[in-house]
């Protein structure tokens, strides 16, 4: 399948500071790319450039074979859902969902029926005539999403859409949203700073740091085979070693002594026990590497000294992305 979205060498310079540097990738129709990075990595600037709210210094954006780089924001085949739902407070759910269709000038009866179908489909038929102030946060965000999806955008930008919700609602909504996006075959850029959210939503993960993608690939590749120390520490679990090497947590074993260990090993101190999703996870401090590591272990006390070890063949050397 040929690419549907082509982002070529997008750069952004502001007052002699480079915000984005040669951002390049392609997506097939219906793929979801989770863009993850720390604050200040360039995520928001990149979204604004795609949406046409900011101009790139250099580069091109091709959607379905058409260069949209110089097209005005209102004419781009792009939808966007923000951190806040941004619904019109004086309009009920039905009117909010119909709004974009009305702007396109189609018949009111056709628009109304289409909006009702979408609202029923996402389980909001009972609040169709309610106003935003009468909805929960999760309901508001569902309305915001279908208000964009009903316009059939060729690219949908999701800017941390769950950040204002509590943990339970976030998990429920992202599972629902991914299912909905796949049913619609919508091509998506999903921006988040949450590692778990990125893995759950994305077909691909793009790790953005200081304006450049350090790695783009399937979730399994990013997690098990990070290509740089930053990607390893930000998106994976394991130990970043000297000489640009990494050993994943799944390849580490534990011993109560370092005597006669025939493998590379590192001394660790158990700091505390965490209880995560029904599993005992121990936080371990490895002083030699100045790193913390979380591992599932069978032990009962904190401040206990252990040795972590792994076979040499399981130690990876970081590779730069070509």
C-alpha atoms as a PDB file:
ATOM      1  CA  UNK A   1       0.000   0.000   0.000  1.00  0.00           C
ATOM      2  CA  UNK A   2       1.417   3.403  -1.000  1.00  0.00           C
ATOM      3  CA  UNK A   3       1.768   6.247   1.487  1.00  0.00           C
ATOM      4  CA  UNK A   4      -1.221   8.513   2.115  1.00  0.00           C
ATOM      5  CA  UNK A   5       0.532  11.160   4.198  1.00  0.00           C
ATOM      6  CA  UNK A   6       4.046  12.344   3.279  1.00  0.00           C
ATOM      7  CA  UNK A   7       5.796  14.829   5.539  1.00  0.00           C
ATOM      8  CA  UNK A   8       9.043  15.914   3.873  1.00  0.00           C
ATOM      9  CA  UNK A   9      11.865  17.814   5.598  1.00  0.00           C
ATOM     10  CA  UNK A  10       9.677  20.090   7.748  1.00  0.00           C
ATOM     11  CA  UNK A  11      11.797  22.610   9.655  1.00  0.00           C
ATOM     12  CA  UNK A  12      10.814  25.613  11.752  1.00  0.00           C
ATOM     13  CA  UNK A  13      13.144  28.386  12.870  1.00  0.00           C
ATOM     14  CA  UNK A  14      12.041  31.178  15.197  1.00  0.00           C
ATOM     15  CA  UNK A  15      14.381  34.034  16.116  1.00  0.00           C
ATOM     16  CA  UNK A  16      17.442  31.999  15.064  1.00  0.00           C
ATOM     17  CA  UNK A  17      16.311  29.040  17.184  1.00  0.00           C
ATOM     18  CA  UNK A  18      15.465  25.807  15.369  1.00  0.00           C
ATOM     19  CA  UNK A  19      12.196  24.438  16.769  1.00  0.00           C
ATOM     20  CA  UNK A  20      11.831  21.569  14.267  1.00  0.00           C
ATOM     21  CA  UNK A  21      14.590  19.987  12.191  1.00  0.00           C
ATOM     22  CA  UNK A  22      13.951  18.026   8.982  1.00  0.00           C
ATOM     23  CA  UNK A  23      10.872  16.165  10.237  1.00  0.00           C
ATOM     24  CA  UNK A  24      10.144  13.428   7.682  1.00  0.00           C
ATOM     25  CA  UNK A  25       7.830  10.396   7.703  1.00  0.00           C
ATOM     26  CA  UNK A  26       5.030   8.686   5.775  1.00  0.00           C
ATOM     27  CA  UNK A  27       1.754   7.083   6.833  1.00  0.00           C
ATOM     28  CA  UNK A  28      -0.602   4.711   5.048  1.00  0.00           C
ATOM     29  CA  UNK A  29      -4.325   5.408   5.029  1.00  0.00           C
ATOM     30  CA  UNK A  30      -5.898   4.452   8.353  1.00  0.00           C
ATOM     31  CA  UNK A  31      -2.619   4.330  10.296  1.00  0.00           C
ATOM     32  CA  UNK A  32      -2.291   5.973  13.713  1.00  0.00           C
ATOM     33  CA  UNK A  33       1.049   7.555  14.617  1.00  0.00           C
ATOM     34  CA  UNK A  34       1.519   8.308  18.315  1.00  0.00           C
ATOM     35  CA  UNK A  35       3.887  11.265  18.663  1.00  0.00           C
ATOM     36  CA  UNK A  36       5.459  11.279  22.101  1.00  0.00           C
ATOM     37  CA  UNK A  37       8.012  13.607  23.649  1.00  0.00           C
ATOM     38  CA  UNK A  38       8.748  15.731  26.682  1.00  0.00           C
ATOM     39  CA  UNK A  39       7.524  19.308  27.077  1.00  0.00           C
ATOM     40  CA  UNK A  40       9.387  21.592  24.693  1.00  0.00           C
ATOM     41  CA  UNK A  41      10.201  18.825  22.200  1.00  0.00           C
ATOM     42  CA  UNK A  42       8.260  20.534  19.380  1.00  0.00           C
ATOM     43  CA  UNK A  43       5.014  18.510  19.431  1.00  0.00           C
ATOM     44  CA  UNK A  44       2.618  21.466  19.586  1.00  0.00           C
ATOM     45  CA  UNK A  45       4.532  23.475  16.968  1.00  0.00           C
ATOM     46  CA  UNK A  46       4.431  20.521  14.599  1.00  0.00           C
ATOM     47  CA  UNK A  47       0.660  20.134  14.992  1.00  0.00           C
ATOM     48  CA  UNK A  48       0.119  23.849  14.404  1.00  0.00           C
ATOM     49  CA  UNK A  49       2.136  23.673  11.194  1.00  0.00           C
ATOM     50  CA  UNK A  50       0.123  20.691   9.933  1.00  0.00           C
ATOM     51  CA  UNK A  51      -3.122  22.471  10.774  1.00  0.00           C
ATOM     52  CA  UNK A  52      -1.931  25.610   8.967  1.00  0.00           C
ATOM     53  CA  UNK A  53      -1.978  27.745  12.113  1.00  0.00           C
ATOM     54  CA  UNK A  54       1.769  28.283  11.714  1.00  0.00           C
ATOM     55  CA  UNK A  55       3.997  28.181   8.650  1.00  0.00           C
ATOM     56  CA  UNK A  56       7.032  25.930   8.263  1.00  0.00           C
ATOM     57  CA  UNK A  57      10.360  27.536   7.410  1.00  0.00           C
ATOM     58  CA  UNK A  58      11.071  24.723   4.923  1.00  0.00           C
ATOM     59  CA  UNK A  59       9.474  21.464   3.847  1.00  0.00           C
ATOM     60  CA  UNK A  60       6.342  20.031   2.245  1.00  0.00           C
ATOM     61  CA  UNK A  61       3.175  18.295   3.440  1.00  0.00           C
ATOM     62  CA  UNK A  62       1.506  15.921   0.976  1.00  0.00           C
ATOM     63  CA  UNK A  63      -1.918  14.428   1.755  1.00  0.00           C
ATOM     64  CA  UNK A  64      -3.444  11.922  -0.685  1.00  0.00           C
ATOM     65  CA  UNK A  65      -1.082  13.128  -3.403  1.00  0.00           C
ATOM     66  CA  UNK A  66      -1.794  16.843  -2.924  1.00  0.00           C
ATOM     67  CA  UNK A  67       0.664  19.402  -1.549  1.00  0.00           C
ATOM     68  CA  UNK A  68      -1.222  21.294   1.172  1.00  0.00           C
ATOM     69  CA  UNK A  69       1.748  23.342   2.399  1.00  0.00           C
ATOM     70  CA  UNK A  70       0.368  26.670   1.165  1.00  0.00           C
ATOM     71  CA  UNK A  71      -3.362  25.958   1.605  1.00  0.00           C
ATOM     72  CA  UNK A  72      -5.253  28.060   4.164  1.00  0.00           C
ATOM     73  CA  UNK A  73      -6.234  26.302   7.417  1.00  0.00           C
ATOM     74  CA  UNK A  74      -9.975  26.288   6.679  1.00  0.00           C
ATOM     75  CA  UNK A  75      -9.391  24.598   3.335  1.00  0.00           C
ATOM     76  CA  UNK A  76      -7.101  21.815   4.539  1.00  0.00           C
ATOM     77  CA  UNK A  77      -8.589  18.288   4.718  1.00  0.00           C
ATOM     78  CA  UNK A  78      -7.540  18.115   8.364  1.00  0.00           C
ATOM     79  CA  UNK A  79      -9.534  17.815  11.590  1.00  0.00           C
ATOM     80  CA  UNK A  80      -8.264  18.557  15.074  1.00  0.00           C
ATOM     81  CA  UNK A  81      -9.323  17.594  18.588  1.00  0.00           C
ATOM     82  CA  UNK A  82      -7.726  19.549  21.413  1.00  0.00           C
ATOM     83  CA  UNK A  83      -6.989  18.928  25.098  1.00  0.00           C
ATOM     84  CA  UNK A  84     -10.260  20.688  25.930  1.00  0.00           C
ATOM     85  CA  UNK A  85     -13.399  19.724  23.951  1.00  0.00           C
ATOM     86  CA  UNK A  86     -14.109  23.374  22.944  1.00  0.00           C
ATOM     87  CA  UNK A  87     -17.806  22.739  22.313  1.00  0.00           C
ATOM     88  CA  UNK A  88     -20.112  25.671  21.683  1.00  0.00           C
ATOM     89  CA  UNK A  89     -21.816  26.213  25.075  1.00  0.00           C
ATOM     90  CA  UNK A  90     -24.998  27.678  23.528  1.00  0.00           C
ATOM     91  CA  UNK A  91     -25.517  24.631  21.282  1.00  0.00           C
ATOM     92  CA  UNK A  92     -26.739  21.194  22.342  1.00  0.00           C
ATOM     93  CA  UNK A  93     -24.953  17.970  21.367  1.00  0.00           C
ATOM     94  CA  UNK A  94     -26.869  17.582  18.100  1.00  0.00           C
ATOM     95  CA  UNK A  95     -26.194  21.178  17.071  1.00  0.00           C
ATOM     96  CA  UNK A  96     -22.501  20.902  17.931  1.00  0.00           C
ATOM     97  CA  UNK A  97     -22.088  17.751  15.833  1.00  0.00           C
ATOM     98  CA  UNK A  98     -24.026  19.305  12.929  1.00  0.00           C
ATOM     99  CA  UNK A  99     -22.041  22.533  12.979  1.00  0.00           C
ATOM    100  CA  UNK A 100     -19.285  21.544  10.525  1.00  0.00           C
ATOM    101  CA  UNK A 101     -21.776  19.994   8.122  1.00  0.00           C
ATOM    102  CA  UNK A 102     -23.880  23.170   8.198  1.00  0.00           C
ATOM    103  CA  UNK A 103     -20.806  25.196   7.252  1.00  0.00           C
ATOM    104  CA  UNK A 104     -20.444  23.047   4.136  1.00  0.00           C
ATOM    105  CA  UNK A 105     -23.900  24.095   3.007  1.00  0.00           C
ATOM    106  CA  UNK A 106     -25.583  20.695   2.665  1.00  0.00           C
ATOM    107  CA  UNK A 107     -29.290  20.204   3.312  1.00  0.00           C
ATOM    108  CA  UNK A 108     -30.345  20.603   6.938  1.00  0.00           C
ATOM    109  CA  UNK A 109     -32.405  17.422   6.943  1.00  0.00           C
ATOM    110  CA  UNK A 110     -29.516  15.352   5.617  1.00  0.00           C
ATOM    111  CA  UNK A 111     -27.105  16.930   8.105  1.00  0.00           C
ATOM    112  CA  UNK A 112     -29.441  16.306  11.024  1.00  0.00           C
ATOM    113  CA  UNK A 113     -29.922  12.632  10.203  1.00  0.00           C
ATOM    114  CA  UNK A 114     -26.193  12.087   9.699  1.00  0.00           C
ATOM    115  CA  UNK A 115     -25.401  13.788  13.018  1.00  0.00           C
ATOM    116  CA  UNK A 116     -28.042  11.697  14.831  1.00  0.00           C
ATOM    117  CA  UNK A 117     -26.564   8.505  13.379  1.00  0.00           C
ATOM    118  CA  UNK A 118     -23.092   9.399  14.677  1.00  0.00           C
ATOM    119  CA  UNK A 119     -24.417  10.393  18.104  1.00  0.00           C
ATOM    120  CA  UNK A 120     -26.347   7.131  18.460  1.00  0.00           C
ATOM    121  CA  UNK A 121     -23.352   5.171  17.265  1.00  0.00           C
ATOM    122  CA  UNK A 122     -21.163   6.439  20.114  1.00  0.00           C
ATOM    123  CA  UNK A 123     -23.833   5.853  22.752  1.00  0.00           C
ATOM    124  CA  UNK A 124     -24.842   9.462  23.343  1.00  0.00           C
ATOM    125  CA  UNK A 125     -28.406   9.273  22.031  1.00  0.00           C
ATOM    126  CA  UNK A 126     -29.787   9.889  25.521  1.00  0.00           C
ATOM    127  CA  UNK A 127     -28.009  13.255  25.793  1.00  0.00           C
ATOM    128  CA  UNK A 128     -28.497  14.404  22.208  1.00  0.00           C
ATOM    129  CA  UNK A 129     -30.402  17.521  23.309  1.00  0.00           C
ATOM    130  CA  UNK A 130     -28.237  18.273  26.347  1.00  0.00           C
ATOM    131  CA  UNK A 131     -25.865  21.221  26.471  1.00  0.00           C
ATOM    132  CA  UNK A 132     -22.108  20.879  27.175  1.00  0.00           C
ATOM    133  CA  UNK A 133     -22.574  22.052  30.772  1.00  0.00           C
ATOM    134  CA  UNK A 134     -24.788  19.001  31.368  1.00  0.00           C
ATOM    135  CA  UNK A 135     -22.221  16.476  30.093  1.00  0.00           C
ATOM    136  CA  UNK A 136     -19.340  14.642  31.780  1.00  0.00           C
ATOM    137  CA  UNK A 137     -15.772  15.267  30.569  1.00  0.00           C
ATOM    138  CA  UNK A 138     -15.726  11.965  28.729  1.00  0.00           C
ATOM    139  CA  UNK A 139     -19.024  12.706  27.000  1.00  0.00           C
ATOM    140  CA  UNK A 140     -17.786  16.130  25.929  1.00  0.00           C
ATOM    141  CA  UNK A 141     -14.654  14.639  24.386  1.00  0.00           C
ATOM    142  CA  UNK A 142     -16.711  12.049  22.494  1.00  0.00           C
ATOM    143  CA  UNK A 143     -18.834  14.837  21.038  1.00  0.00           C
ATOM    144  CA  UNK A 144     -15.671  16.723  20.090  1.00  0.00           C
ATOM    145  CA  UNK A 145     -14.307  13.666  18.280  1.00  0.00           C
ATOM    146  CA  UNK A 146     -17.427  12.854  16.256  1.00  0.00           C
ATOM    147  CA  UNK A 147     -17.805  16.550  15.381  1.00  0.00           C
ATOM    148  CA  UNK A 148     -14.442  16.149  13.587  1.00  0.00           C
ATOM    149  CA  UNK A 149     -14.975  12.611  12.243  1.00  0.00           C
ATOM    150  CA  UNK A 150     -18.329  13.402  10.655  1.00  0.00           C
ATOM    151  CA  UNK A 151     -16.487  15.699   8.217  1.00  0.00           C
ATOM    152  CA  UNK A 152     -14.343  12.752   7.034  1.00  0.00           C
ATOM    153  CA  UNK A 153     -10.944  14.470   7.409  1.00  0.00           C
ATOM    154  CA  UNK A 154      -8.055  12.923   5.486  1.00  0.00           C
ATOM    155  CA  UNK A 155      -5.853  13.544   8.531  1.00  0.00           C
ATOM    156  CA  UNK A 156      -7.000  13.910  12.139  1.00  0.00           C
ATOM    157  CA  UNK A 157      -4.783  15.615  14.711  1.00  0.00           C
ATOM    158  CA  UNK A 158      -5.367  14.647  18.350  1.00  0.00           C
ATOM    159  CA  UNK A 159      -3.591  17.003  20.759  1.00  0.00           C
ATOM    160  CA  UNK A 160      -3.472  15.218  24.154  1.00  0.00           C
ATOM    161  CA  UNK A 161      -7.274  14.770  24.082  1.00  0.00           C
ATOM    162  CA  UNK A 162      -7.424  12.856  27.382  1.00  0.00           C
ATOM    163  CA  UNK A 163      -5.212  15.084  29.545  1.00  0.00           C
ATOM    164  CA  UNK A 164      -8.115  16.714  31.410  1.00  0.00           C
ATOM    165  CA  UNK A 165      -9.709  13.372  32.386  1.00  0.00           C
ATOM    166  CA  UNK A 166      -9.082  11.130  35.388  1.00  0.00           C
ATOM    167  CA  UNK A 167      -7.108   7.892  34.926  1.00  0.00           C
ATOM    168  CA  UNK A 168     -10.137   5.595  34.661  1.00  0.00           C
ATOM    169  CA  UNK A 169     -11.907   7.812  32.110  1.00  0.00           C
ATOM    170  CA  UNK A 170      -8.707   8.200  30.099  1.00  0.00           C
ATOM    171  CA  UNK A 171      -8.276   4.443  29.732  1.00  0.00           C
ATOM    172  CA  UNK A 172     -11.924   3.885  28.832  1.00  0.00           C
ATOM    173  CA  UNK A 173     -11.964   6.710  26.308  1.00  0.00           C
ATOM    174  CA  UNK A 174      -8.735   5.827  24.518  1.00  0.00           C
ATOM    175  CA  UNK A 175      -9.894   2.219  23.999  1.00  0.00           C
ATOM    176  CA  UNK A 176     -13.193   3.493  22.622  1.00  0.00           C
ATOM    177  CA  UNK A 177     -11.492   6.144  20.481  1.00  0.00           C
ATOM    178  CA  UNK A 178      -9.042   3.733  18.853  1.00  0.00           C
ATOM    179  CA  UNK A 179     -11.911   1.393  17.924  1.00  0.00           C
ATOM    180  CA  UNK A 180     -13.862   4.305  16.437  1.00  0.00           C
ATOM    181  CA  UNK A 181     -10.884   5.598  14.445  1.00  0.00           C
ATOM    182  CA  UNK A 182     -10.205   2.138  13.021  1.00  0.00           C
ATOM    183  CA  UNK A 183     -13.841   1.692  12.017  1.00  0.00           C
ATOM    184  CA  UNK A 184     -13.681   5.045  10.191  1.00  0.00           C
ATOM    185  CA  UNK A 185     -10.273   4.197   8.639  1.00  0.00           C
ATOM    186  CA  UNK A 186      -9.067   7.610   9.754  1.00  0.00           C
ATOM    187  CA  UNK A 187      -5.385   8.505   9.441  1.00  0.00           C
ATOM    188  CA  UNK A 188      -4.274  10.046  12.733  1.00  0.00           C
ATOM    189  CA  UNK A 189      -1.460  11.881  14.484  1.00  0.00           C
ATOM    190  CA  UNK A 190      -2.003  11.350  18.188  1.00  0.00           C
ATOM    191  CA  UNK A 191       0.150  13.601  20.386  1.00  0.00           C
ATOM    192  CA  UNK A 192       0.767  12.646  24.008  1.00  0.00           C
ATOM    193  CA  UNK A 193       3.437  12.758  26.709  1.00  0.00           C
ATOM    194  CA  UNK A 194       2.092   9.537  28.259  1.00  0.00           C
ATOM    195  CA  UNK A 195       4.113   6.440  27.318  1.00  0.00           C
ATOM    196  CA  UNK A 196       1.341   3.907  27.980  1.00  0.00           C
ATOM    197  CA  UNK A 197      -1.166   5.994  26.043  1.00  0.00           C
ATOM    198  CA  UNK A 198       1.190   6.208  23.062  1.00  0.00           C
ATOM    199  CA  UNK A 199       1.683   2.433  22.988  1.00  0.00           C
ATOM    200  CA  UNK A 200      -2.028   1.682  23.326  1.00  0.00           C
ATOM    201  CA  UNK A 201      -3.182   4.115  20.625  1.00  0.00           C
ATOM    202  CA  UNK A 202      -0.479   3.922  17.977  1.00  0.00           C
ATOM    203  CA  UNK A 203       0.209   1.550  15.093  1.00  0.00           C
ATOM    204  CA  UNK A 204       3.493   3.444  14.992  1.00  0.00           C
ATOM    205  CA  UNK A 205       5.334   5.439  17.655  1.00  0.00           C
ATOM    206  CA  UNK A 206       7.373   8.540  16.863  1.00  0.00           C
ATOM    207  CA  UNK A 207       9.721   9.760  19.613  1.00  0.00           C
ATOM    208  CA  UNK A 208      10.317  13.486  19.242  1.00  0.00           C
ATOM    209  CA  UNK A 209      13.171  15.213  21.059  1.00  0.00           C
ATOM    210  CA  UNK A 210      14.475  18.743  20.550  1.00  0.00           C
ATOM    211  CA  UNK A 211      12.602  19.114  17.266  1.00  0.00           C
ATOM    212  CA  UNK A 212      13.654  15.838  15.609  1.00  0.00           C
ATOM    213  CA  UNK A 213      12.296  12.315  15.472  1.00  0.00           C
ATOM    214  CA  UNK A 214      14.879  10.036  17.078  1.00  0.00           C
ATOM    215  CA  UNK A 215      12.958   6.922  16.082  1.00  0.00           C
ATOM    216  CA  UNK A 216       9.711   5.978  14.342  1.00  0.00           C
ATOM    217  CA  UNK A 217       8.528   2.385  14.352  1.00  0.00           C
ATOM    218  CA  UNK A 218       6.022  -0.187  15.617  1.00  0.00           C
ATOM    219  CA  UNK A 219       5.475  -0.238  19.413  1.00  0.00           C
ATOM    220  CA  UNK A 220       7.386  -3.513  19.839  1.00  0.00           C
ATOM    221  CA  UNK A 221      10.444  -2.079  18.070  1.00  0.00           C
ATOM    222  CA  UNK A 222      10.457   1.106  20.136  1.00  0.00           C
ATOM    223  CA  UNK A 223      10.056  -0.783  23.417  1.00  0.00           C
ATOM    224  CA  UNK A 224      12.430  -3.698  22.853  1.00  0.00           C
ATOM    225  CA  UNK A 225      14.938  -2.170  20.405  1.00  0.00           C
ATOM    226  CA  UNK A 226      15.377   1.541  21.171  1.00  0.00           C
ATOM    227  CA  UNK A 227      17.987   3.197  18.958  1.00  0.00           C
ATOM    228  CA  UNK A 228      19.276   5.868  21.339  1.00  0.00           C
ATOM    229  CA  UNK A 229      19.764   6.448  25.072  1.00  0.00           C
ATOM    230  CA  UNK A 230      16.907   8.983  25.077  1.00  0.00           C
ATOM    231  CA  UNK A 231      14.417   6.582  23.469  1.00  0.00           C
ATOM    232  CA  UNK A 232      15.534   3.831  25.858  1.00  0.00           C
ATOM    233  CA  UNK A 233      15.072   5.951  28.969  1.00  0.00           C
ATOM    234  CA  UNK A 234      11.863   7.639  27.785  1.00  0.00           C
ATOM    235  CA  UNK A 235      10.013   4.741  26.168  1.00  0.00           C
ATOM    236  CA  UNK A 236      11.526   1.469  27.395  1.00  0.00           C
ATOM    237  CA  UNK A 237      12.569  -0.384  30.564  1.00  0.00           C
ATOM    238  CA  UNK A 238      16.136  -1.464  31.150  1.00  0.00           C
ATOM    239  CA  UNK A 239      19.644  -0.183  31.820  1.00  0.00           C
ATOM    240  CA  UNK A 240      21.488   2.280  29.590  1.00  0.00           C
ATOM    241  CA  UNK A 241      25.128   1.176  29.780  1.00  0.00           C
ATOM    242  CA  UNK A 242      28.416   2.796  28.932  1.00  0.00           C
ATOM    243  CA  UNK A 243      29.759   2.570  25.359  1.00  0.00           C
ATOM    244  CA  UNK A 244      26.278   3.402  23.993  1.00  0.00           C
ATOM    245  CA  UNK A 245      24.734   0.088  25.008  1.00  0.00           C
ATOM    246  CA  UNK A 246      21.428  -1.048  26.487  1.00  0.00           C
ATOM    247  CA  UNK A 247      20.034  -4.175  28.093  1.00  0.00           C
ATOM    248  CA  UNK A 248      16.285  -4.544  28.287  1.00  0.00           C
ATOM    249  CA  UNK A 249      14.643  -5.376  31.632  1.00  0.00           C
ATOM    250  CA  UNK A 250      13.261  -8.604  30.177  1.00  0.00           C
ATOM    251  CA  UNK A 251      16.853  -9.833  29.771  1.00  0.00           C
ATOM    252  CA  UNK A 252      17.935  -9.048  33.335  1.00  0.00           C
ATOM    253  CA  UNK A 253      18.087 -11.669  36.074  1.00  0.00           C
ATOM    254  CA  UNK A 254      18.587 -11.159  39.812  1.00  0.00           C
ATOM    255  CA  UNK A 255      21.013 -12.673  42.302  1.00  0.00           C
ATOM    256  CA  UNK A 256      21.489 -12.077  46.016  1.00  0.00           C
ATOM    257  CA  UNK A 257      25.282 -12.209  45.543  1.00  0.00           C
ATOM    258  CA  UNK A 258      27.819 -11.186  42.928  1.00  0.00           C
ATOM    259  CA  UNK A 259      30.139 -14.104  43.654  1.00  0.00           C
ATOM    260  CA  UNK A 260      31.159 -16.160  40.618  1.00  0.00           C
ATOM    261  CA  UNK A 261      28.608 -14.532  38.290  1.00  0.00           C
ATOM    262  CA  UNK A 262      29.825 -15.405  34.761  1.00  0.00           C
ATOM    263  CA  UNK A 263      27.827 -12.530  33.240  1.00  0.00           C
ATOM    264  CA  UNK A 264      27.998  -8.695  33.190  1.00  0.00           C
ATOM    265  CA  UNK A 265      26.415  -7.526  36.445  1.00  0.00           C
ATOM    266  CA  UNK A 266      25.446  -4.369  38.295  1.00  0.00           C
ATOM    267  CA  UNK A 267      24.838  -3.779  41.973  1.00  0.00           C
ATOM    268  CA  UNK A 268      21.360  -2.515  42.862  1.00  0.00           C
ATOM    269  CA  UNK A 269      19.573  -1.323  45.980  1.00  0.00           C
ATOM    270  CA  UNK A 270      15.864  -2.025  46.398  1.00  0.00           C
ATOM    271  CA  UNK A 271      14.294   1.309  47.348  1.00  0.00           C
ATOM    272  CA  UNK A 272      10.599   0.520  47.648  1.00  0.00           C
ATOM    273  CA  UNK A 273       7.811  -1.797  46.620  1.00  0.00           C
ATOM    274  CA  UNK A 274       5.150  -0.526  44.236  1.00  0.00           C
ATOM    275  CA  UNK A 275       1.834  -2.207  43.517  1.00  0.00           C
ATOM    276  CA  UNK A 276       1.014  -1.804  39.824  1.00  0.00           C
ATOM    277  CA  UNK A 277      -1.975  -3.461  38.137  1.00  0.00           C
ATOM    278  CA  UNK A 278      -2.011  -6.272  40.693  1.00  0.00           C
ATOM    279  CA  UNK A 279       1.728  -6.947  40.488  1.00  0.00           C
ATOM    280  CA  UNK A 280       4.484  -6.240  43.007  1.00  0.00           C
ATOM    281  CA  UNK A 281       7.032  -4.021  41.283  1.00  0.00           C
ATOM    282  CA  UNK A 282      10.277  -3.029  43.010  1.00  0.00           C
ATOM    283  CA  UNK A 283      12.080   0.239  42.409  1.00  0.00           C
ATOM    284  CA  UNK A 284      15.820  -0.420  42.202  1.00  0.00           C
ATOM    285  CA  UNK A 285      18.635   2.121  42.279  1.00  0.00           C
ATOM    286  CA  UNK A 286      21.781   1.227  40.286  1.00  0.00           C
ATOM    287  CA  UNK A 287      24.412   3.644  41.587  1.00  0.00           C
ATOM    288  CA  UNK A 288      27.114   2.701  39.071  1.00  0.00           C
ATOM    289  CA  UNK A 289      24.857   3.803  36.200  1.00  0.00           C
ATOM    290  CA  UNK A 290      22.999   6.538  38.127  1.00  0.00           C
ATOM    291  CA  UNK A 291      19.664   5.001  37.094  1.00  0.00           C
ATOM    292  CA  UNK A 292      16.442   3.725  38.585  1.00  0.00           C
ATOM    293  CA  UNK A 293      14.774   0.596  37.307  1.00  0.00           C
ATOM    294  CA  UNK A 294      11.417  -1.008  38.059  1.00  0.00           C
ATOM    295  CA  UNK A 295      11.302  -4.821  38.070  1.00  0.00           C
ATOM    296  CA  UNK A 296       8.800  -7.479  39.222  1.00  0.00           C
ATOM    297  CA  UNK A 297      10.631  -9.410  41.962  1.00  0.00           C
ATOM    298  CA  UNK A 298       9.833 -11.896  44.703  1.00  0.00           C
ATOM    299  CA  UNK A 299      11.185 -10.374  47.923  1.00  0.00           C
ATOM    300  CA  UNK A 300       9.819  -8.806  51.089  1.00  0.00           C
ATOM    301  CA  UNK A 301      12.193  -6.047  52.255  1.00  0.00           C
ATOM    302  CA  UNK A 302      13.365  -2.649  51.054  1.00  0.00           C
ATOM    303  CA  UNK A 303      16.970  -1.381  51.203  1.00  0.00           C
ATOM    304  CA  UNK A 304      18.169  -4.849  50.221  1.00  0.00           C
ATOM    305  CA  UNK A 305      21.244  -5.182  48.008  1.00  0.00           C
ATOM    306  CA  UNK A 306      20.876  -7.321  44.894  1.00  0.00           C
ATOM    307  CA  UNK A 307      22.860  -7.938  41.708  1.00  0.00           C
ATOM    308  CA  UNK A 308      21.349  -7.609  38.265  1.00  0.00           C
ATOM    309  CA  UNK A 309      22.976  -9.620  35.512  1.00  0.00           C
ATOM    310  CA  UNK A 310      22.450 -10.505  31.880  1.00  0.00           C
ATOM    311  CA  UNK A 311      24.179 -12.403  29.085  1.00  0.00           C
ATOM    312  CA  UNK A 312      26.467 -10.454  26.759  1.00  0.00           C
ATOM    313  CA  UNK A 313      24.481 -11.486  23.680  1.00  0.00           C
ATOM    314  CA  UNK A 314      21.447  -9.648  25.093  1.00  0.00           C
ATOM    315  CA  UNK A 315      23.284  -6.324  25.318  1.00  0.00           C
ATOM    316  CA  UNK A 316      22.315  -4.041  22.429  1.00  0.00           C
ATOM    317  CA  UNK A 317      24.441  -1.327  20.859  1.00  0.00           C
ATOM    318  CA  UNK A 318      22.453   1.780  19.958  1.00  0.00           C
ATOM    319  CA  UNK A 319      22.030   2.351  16.240  1.00  0.00           C
ATOM    320  CA  UNK A 320      21.347   5.700  14.635  1.00  0.00           C
ATOM    321  CA  UNK A 321      18.231   5.804  12.497  1.00  0.00           C
ATOM    322  CA  UNK A 322      19.075   5.934   8.829  1.00  0.00           C
END
